[in-house]
Amino acid sequence: MTAKSRLNICTTCTSSIASAPSDPRDGQTLFERIQEVCATRDLPFEVKPVECLTNCKSGCSVALNGSGKWGYVYGNVDPDSMVEDLCELASKYAESEKGIVAWRERPDALRRNVIARIPPID
């Protein structure tokens, strides 16, 4: 069986619209909120906390990856308003064959938030 696709959430991120780091960090808040949603649903991806995706000017940042799939880094994810959108995007990513979710199929709130696209290794 192939491993599930992964939604990696930077837990050290500070939101790009914040005037100073929060405690807990905005990325940690995003991770906790996604965990709450995942606990109540059978989602086709797993969620992992990571430290620093080195996208600090565009925090909060997340990365999507999976075996044989293109990887993506998204920035400016709002932990207050984008949790459902992020779950929808990660589900569509997980269900795609090559990790490519058409621009029109992405949630409106995240369409313009792509920072990088990374080719698959295998």
N, C-alpha and C. Protein backbone atom coordinates (compact mmCIF):
# COMPACT_ATOMS: atom_id res chain seq x y z
N MET A 1 0.84 -1.19 0.00
CA MET A 1 0.00 0.00 0.00
C MET A 1 0.87 1.25 0.00
N THR A 2 0.51 2.22 -0.79
CA THR A 2 1.24 3.48 -0.88
C THR A 2 0.92 4.35 0.33
N ALA A 3 1.95 5.02 0.84
CA ALA A 3 1.75 5.91 1.99
C ALA A 3 0.83 7.06 1.59
N LYS A 4 0.12 7.56 2.57
CA LYS A 4 -0.77 8.71 2.34
C LYS A 4 0.06 9.94 2.00
N SER A 5 -0.55 10.84 1.25
CA SER A 5 0.06 12.14 1.02
C SER A 5 0.12 12.87 2.36
N ARG A 6 0.97 13.88 2.41
CA ARG A 6 1.20 14.56 3.68
C ARG A 6 1.01 16.06 3.56
N LEU A 7 0.34 16.61 4.56
CA LEU A 7 0.24 18.05 4.74
C LEU A 7 1.18 18.40 5.89
N ASN A 8 2.28 19.08 5.56
CA ASN A 8 3.27 19.51 6.54
C ASN A 8 2.96 20.95 6.93
N ILE A 9 2.85 21.20 8.21
CA ILE A 9 2.52 22.55 8.68
C ILE A 9 3.67 23.08 9.53
N CYS A 10 4.18 24.24 9.13
CA CYS A 10 5.27 24.86 9.88
C CYS A 10 4.72 25.41 11.19
N THR A 11 5.17 24.84 12.29
CA THR A 11 4.67 25.24 13.60
C THR A 11 5.43 26.43 14.19
N THR A 12 6.48 26.87 13.52
CA THR A 12 7.25 28.02 14.02
C THR A 12 6.89 29.31 13.30
N CYS A 13 5.97 29.23 12.34
CA CYS A 13 5.57 30.40 11.55
C CYS A 13 4.86 31.46 12.38
N THR A 14 5.12 32.69 12.00
CA THR A 14 4.34 33.83 12.45
C THR A 14 3.58 34.33 11.22
N SER A 15 2.34 34.66 11.38
CA SER A 15 1.54 35.15 10.25
C SER A 15 2.20 36.38 9.64
N SER A 16 2.14 36.47 8.32
CA SER A 16 2.76 37.60 7.63
C SER A 16 2.07 38.92 7.95
N ILE A 17 0.85 38.88 8.48
CA ILE A 17 0.15 40.11 8.82
C ILE A 17 0.29 40.47 10.31
N ALA A 18 1.01 39.63 11.07
CA ALA A 18 1.19 39.89 12.51
C ALA A 18 2.28 40.93 12.73
N SER A 19 2.13 41.73 13.76
CA SER A 19 3.14 42.73 14.07
C SER A 19 4.28 42.14 14.90
N ALA A 20 4.03 41.00 15.54
CA ALA A 20 5.05 40.34 16.35
C ALA A 20 4.68 38.86 16.50
N PRO A 21 5.67 38.00 16.82
CA PRO A 21 5.36 36.58 17.03
C PRO A 21 4.35 36.40 18.16
N SER A 22 3.48 35.44 17.99
CA SER A 22 2.48 35.14 19.01
C SER A 22 2.92 33.93 19.83
N ASP A 23 2.28 33.70 20.94
CA ASP A 23 2.55 32.52 21.76
C ASP A 23 1.22 31.88 22.12
N PRO A 24 0.86 30.75 21.54
CA PRO A 24 1.69 29.97 20.62
C PRO A 24 1.79 30.64 19.26
N ARG A 25 2.78 30.21 18.50
CA ARG A 25 2.98 30.75 17.15
C ARG A 25 1.75 30.47 16.29
N ASP A 26 1.53 31.33 15.30
CA ASP A 26 0.38 31.17 14.41
C ASP A 26 0.40 29.82 13.70
N GLY A 27 1.59 29.35 13.33
CA GLY A 27 1.71 28.04 12.69
C GLY A 27 1.29 26.91 13.61
N GLN A 28 1.62 27.01 14.88
CA GLN A 28 1.20 26.01 15.86
C GLN A 28 -0.32 26.01 16.00
N THR A 29 -0.90 27.20 16.01
CA THR A 29 -2.36 27.33 16.07
C THR A 29 -3.00 26.67 14.85
N LEU A 30 -2.44 26.93 13.66
CA LEU A 30 -2.95 26.30 12.44
C LEU A 30 -2.87 24.78 12.55
N PHE A 31 -1.74 24.27 13.00
CA PHE A 31 -1.57 22.82 13.16
C PHE A 31 -2.62 22.25 14.11
N GLU A 32 -2.83 22.89 15.24
CA GLU A 32 -3.81 22.40 16.22
C GLU A 32 -5.23 22.42 15.65
N ARG A 33 -5.55 23.45 14.90
CA ARG A 33 -6.90 23.53 14.31
C ARG A 33 -7.10 22.46 13.24
N ILE A 34 -6.08 22.21 12.45
CA ILE A 34 -6.17 21.14 11.44
C ILE A 34 -6.30 19.79 12.14
N GLN A 35 -5.56 19.59 13.21
CA GLN A 35 -5.66 18.34 13.98
C GLN A 35 -7.08 18.12 14.49
N GLU A 36 -7.72 19.18 14.97
CA GLU A 36 -9.10 19.08 15.45
C GLU A 36 -10.04 18.62 14.33
N VAL A 37 -9.88 19.19 13.15
CA VAL A 37 -10.71 18.82 12.01
C VAL A 37 -10.44 17.36 11.62
N CYS A 38 -9.18 16.99 11.57
CA CYS A 38 -8.81 15.63 11.16
C CYS A 38 -9.32 14.58 12.14
N ALA A 39 -9.44 14.94 13.38
CA ALA A 39 -9.92 13.98 14.39
C ALA A 39 -11.38 13.60 14.17
N THR A 40 -12.12 14.43 13.47
CA THR A 40 -13.55 14.17 13.26
C THR A 40 -13.88 13.67 11.86
N ARG A 41 -12.86 13.51 11.01
CA ARG A 41 -13.10 13.11 9.61
C ARG A 41 -12.11 12.05 9.18
N ASP A 42 -12.52 11.30 8.19
CA ASP A 42 -11.63 10.34 7.57
C ASP A 42 -11.03 11.00 6.33
N LEU A 43 -9.89 11.62 6.49
CA LEU A 43 -9.27 12.37 5.40
C LEU A 43 -8.19 11.53 4.71
N PRO A 44 -7.97 11.74 3.42
CA PRO A 44 -7.02 10.92 2.67
C PRO A 44 -5.55 11.36 2.78
N PHE A 45 -5.24 12.17 3.76
CA PHE A 45 -3.87 12.64 3.95
C PHE A 45 -3.54 12.63 5.43
N GLU A 46 -2.24 12.66 5.73
CA GLU A 46 -1.82 12.78 7.12
C GLU A 46 -1.25 14.17 7.35
N VAL A 47 -1.26 14.59 8.59
CA VAL A 47 -0.78 15.92 8.96
C VAL A 47 0.45 15.77 9.84
N LYS A 48 1.49 16.52 9.50
CA LYS A 48 2.74 16.47 10.27
C LYS A 48 3.17 17.88 10.63
N PRO A 49 3.59 18.09 11.88
CA PRO A 49 4.18 19.38 12.25
C PRO A 49 5.65 19.39 11.81
N VAL A 50 6.10 20.51 11.29
CA VAL A 50 7.51 20.65 10.91
C VAL A 50 8.01 21.99 11.44
N GLU A 51 9.31 22.07 11.62
CA GLU A 51 9.91 23.31 12.07
C GLU A 51 10.53 24.04 10.89
N CYS A 52 10.08 25.21 10.66
CA CYS A 52 10.61 26.17 9.69
C CYS A 52 10.71 25.65 8.26
N LEU A 53 9.80 26.13 7.45
CA LEU A 53 9.84 25.87 6.01
C LEU A 53 10.61 26.99 5.28
N THR A 54 11.24 27.87 6.03
CA THR A 54 12.06 28.96 5.50
C THR A 54 11.29 29.82 4.51
N ASN A 55 10.07 30.14 4.88
CA ASN A 55 9.22 31.01 4.08
C ASN A 55 8.65 32.10 5.00
N CYS A 56 9.50 32.62 5.83
CA CYS A 56 9.09 33.50 6.93
C CYS A 56 8.33 34.76 6.50
N LYS A 57 8.66 35.31 5.36
CA LYS A 57 7.96 36.52 4.91
C LYS A 57 6.54 36.24 4.44
N SER A 58 6.21 34.96 4.26
CA SER A 58 4.88 34.58 3.79
C SER A 58 4.23 33.56 4.71
N GLY A 59 4.45 33.68 6.02
CA GLY A 59 3.84 32.75 6.96
C GLY A 59 2.37 33.05 7.13
N CYS A 60 1.64 32.09 7.50
CA CYS A 60 1.93 30.70 7.85
C CYS A 60 2.14 29.88 6.58
N SER A 61 3.06 28.93 6.66
CA SER A 61 3.42 28.13 5.50
C SER A 61 3.12 26.67 5.72
N VAL A 62 2.76 26.00 4.62
CA VAL A 62 2.51 24.56 4.63
C VAL A 62 3.15 23.98 3.37
N ALA A 63 3.39 22.67 3.41
CA ALA A 63 3.90 21.97 2.23
C ALA A 63 3.10 20.70 2.04
N LEU A 64 2.78 20.41 0.79
CA LEU A 64 2.10 19.17 0.42
C LEU A 64 3.08 18.30 -0.34
N ASN A 65 3.16 17.01 0.03
CA ASN A 65 3.99 16.09 -0.73
C ASN A 65 3.44 14.68 -0.64
N GLY A 66 3.87 13.86 -1.56
CA GLY A 66 3.44 12.47 -1.60
C GLY A 66 4.32 11.70 -2.57
N SER A 67 4.37 10.42 -2.41
CA SER A 67 5.21 9.56 -3.24
C SER A 67 4.81 9.68 -4.71
N GLY A 68 5.79 10.01 -5.55
CA GLY A 68 5.55 10.13 -6.98
C GLY A 68 4.77 11.36 -7.39
N LYS A 69 4.59 12.29 -6.48
CA LYS A 69 3.77 13.48 -6.75
C LYS A 69 4.62 14.75 -6.72
N TRP A 70 4.15 15.75 -7.47
CA TRP A 70 4.72 17.08 -7.36
C TRP A 70 4.46 17.58 -5.94
N GLY A 71 5.41 18.29 -5.38
CA GLY A 71 5.23 18.89 -4.06
C GLY A 71 4.93 20.37 -4.21
N TYR A 72 4.27 20.92 -3.21
CA TYR A 72 3.90 22.34 -3.24
C TYR A 72 4.17 22.97 -1.88
N VAL A 73 4.59 24.23 -1.90
CA VAL A 73 4.68 25.04 -0.69
C VAL A 73 3.67 26.17 -0.86
N TYR A 74 2.85 26.35 0.15
CA TYR A 74 1.86 27.43 0.17
C TYR A 74 2.19 28.36 1.32
N GLY A 75 1.99 29.65 1.11
CA GLY A 75 2.23 30.63 2.16
C GLY A 75 0.99 31.48 2.42
N ASN A 76 1.11 32.33 3.43
CA ASN A 76 0.03 33.24 3.82
C ASN A 76 -1.27 32.50 4.13
N VAL A 77 -1.14 31.38 4.80
CA VAL A 77 -2.32 30.60 5.21
C VAL A 77 -2.81 31.17 6.54
N ASP A 78 -4.03 31.59 6.56
CA ASP A 78 -4.62 32.20 7.75
C ASP A 78 -5.21 31.12 8.66
N PRO A 79 -4.68 30.96 9.87
CA PRO A 79 -5.20 29.93 10.77
C PRO A 79 -6.61 30.19 11.27
N ASP A 80 -7.10 31.41 11.08
CA ASP A 80 -8.46 31.75 11.52
C ASP A 80 -9.51 31.48 10.45
N SER A 81 -9.13 31.59 9.19
CA SER A 81 -10.16 31.50 8.14
C SER A 81 -9.91 30.45 7.06
N MET A 82 -8.77 29.79 7.05
CA MET A 82 -8.45 28.90 5.93
C MET A 82 -8.35 27.42 6.27
N VAL A 83 -8.75 27.02 7.44
CA VAL A 83 -8.63 25.61 7.85
C VAL A 83 -9.44 24.71 6.92
N GLU A 84 -10.69 25.04 6.69
CA GLU A 84 -11.52 24.21 5.81
C GLU A 84 -10.98 24.20 4.39
N ASP A 85 -10.54 25.36 3.90
CA ASP A 85 -9.97 25.44 2.56
C ASP A 85 -8.71 24.59 2.44
N LEU A 86 -7.89 24.60 3.46
CA LEU A 86 -6.66 23.82 3.45
C LEU A 86 -6.97 22.32 3.47
N CYS A 87 -7.96 21.92 4.23
CA CYS A 87 -8.37 20.51 4.24
C CYS A 87 -8.89 20.09 2.86
N GLU A 88 -9.65 20.96 2.23
CA GLU A 88 -10.17 20.66 0.89
C GLU A 88 -9.03 20.52 -0.11
N LEU A 89 -8.07 21.46 -0.08
CA LEU A 89 -6.94 21.41 -0.99
C LEU A 89 -6.11 20.15 -0.75
N ALA A 90 -5.81 19.84 0.51
CA ALA A 90 -5.00 18.65 0.82
C ALA A 90 -5.71 17.37 0.40
N SER A 91 -7.03 17.33 0.51
CA SER A 91 -7.80 16.16 0.07
C SER A 91 -7.71 16.00 -1.44
N LYS A 92 -7.89 17.09 -2.17
CA LYS A 92 -7.80 17.03 -3.63
C LYS A 92 -6.40 16.64 -4.07
N TYR A 93 -5.39 17.16 -3.38
CA TYR A 93 -4.01 16.80 -3.67
C TYR A 93 -3.81 15.30 -3.45
N ALA A 94 -4.26 14.79 -2.32
CA ALA A 94 -4.08 13.38 -1.99
C ALA A 94 -4.78 12.47 -3.00
N GLU A 95 -5.92 12.91 -3.49
CA GLU A 95 -6.71 12.11 -4.43
C GLU A 95 -6.21 12.21 -5.87
N SER A 96 -5.30 13.14 -6.14
CA SER A 96 -4.76 13.30 -7.49
C SER A 96 -3.66 12.29 -7.74
N GLU A 97 -3.50 11.91 -8.99
CA GLU A 97 -2.49 10.91 -9.34
C GLU A 97 -1.07 11.44 -9.23
N LYS A 98 -0.85 12.66 -9.73
CA LYS A 98 0.50 13.21 -9.78
C LYS A 98 0.70 14.40 -8.85
N GLY A 99 -0.30 14.71 -8.03
CA GLY A 99 -0.19 15.84 -7.11
C GLY A 99 -0.57 17.17 -7.71
N ILE A 100 -1.11 17.15 -8.90
CA ILE A 100 -1.47 18.39 -9.57
C ILE A 100 -2.98 18.63 -9.42
N VAL A 101 -3.31 19.71 -8.72
CA VAL A 101 -4.70 20.12 -8.56
C VAL A 101 -4.88 21.35 -9.45
N ALA A 102 -5.77 21.24 -10.41
CA ALA A 102 -5.99 22.35 -11.34
C ALA A 102 -6.32 23.63 -10.58
N TRP A 103 -5.84 24.74 -11.10
CA TRP A 103 -6.04 26.03 -10.44
C TRP A 103 -7.50 26.29 -10.12
N ARG A 104 -8.39 25.98 -11.05
CA ARG A 104 -9.83 26.22 -10.85
C ARG A 104 -10.43 25.31 -9.78
N GLU A 105 -9.78 24.19 -9.50
CA GLU A 105 -10.29 23.26 -8.50
C GLU A 105 -9.79 23.57 -7.09
N ARG A 106 -8.83 24.47 -6.98
CA ARG A 106 -8.32 24.85 -5.67
C ARG A 106 -9.29 25.81 -5.00
N PRO A 107 -9.40 25.76 -3.68
CA PRO A 107 -10.25 26.73 -2.98
C PRO A 107 -9.80 28.16 -3.31
N ASP A 108 -10.76 29.04 -3.50
CA ASP A 108 -10.46 30.43 -3.87
C ASP A 108 -9.43 31.07 -2.95
N ALA A 109 -9.54 30.83 -1.66
CA ALA A 109 -8.66 31.47 -0.68
C ALA A 109 -7.20 31.08 -0.85
N LEU A 110 -6.93 29.94 -1.50
CA LEU A 110 -5.55 29.46 -1.63
C LEU A 110 -4.99 29.49 -3.05
N ARG A 111 -5.78 29.89 -4.00
CA ARG A 111 -5.33 29.86 -5.40
C ARG A 111 -4.04 30.63 -5.65
N ARG A 112 -3.90 31.76 -5.03
CA ARG A 112 -2.73 32.61 -5.29
C ARG A 112 -1.65 32.49 -4.22
N ASN A 113 -1.74 31.46 -3.40
CA ASN A 113 -0.81 31.32 -2.29
C ASN A 113 0.36 30.37 -2.55
N VAL A 114 0.49 29.86 -3.77
CA VAL A 114 1.58 28.93 -4.07
C VAL A 114 2.91 29.69 -4.07
N ILE A 115 3.85 29.17 -3.31
CA ILE A 115 5.19 29.73 -3.24
C ILE A 115 6.13 28.97 -4.16
N ALA A 116 6.01 27.64 -4.17
CA ALA A 116 6.89 26.81 -4.99
C ALA A 116 6.21 25.50 -5.37
N ARG A 117 6.64 24.97 -6.50
CA ARG A 117 6.22 23.65 -6.95
C ARG A 117 7.49 22.84 -7.14
N ILE A 118 7.56 21.66 -6.58
CA ILE A 118 8.77 20.86 -6.56
C ILE A 118 8.52 19.53 -7.27
N PRO A 119 9.38 19.17 -8.24
CA PRO A 119 9.15 17.93 -8.98
C PRO A 119 9.33 16.70 -8.09
N PRO A 120 8.61 15.63 -8.45
CA PRO A 120 8.75 14.39 -7.67
C PRO A 120 10.13 13.76 -7.85
N ILE A 121 10.56 13.01 -6.84
CA ILE A 121 11.83 12.31 -6.93
C ILE A 121 11.70 11.06 -7.78
N ASP A 122 10.59 10.34 -7.57
CA ASP A 122 10.43 9.08 -8.29
C ASP A 122 9.38 9.15 -9.35
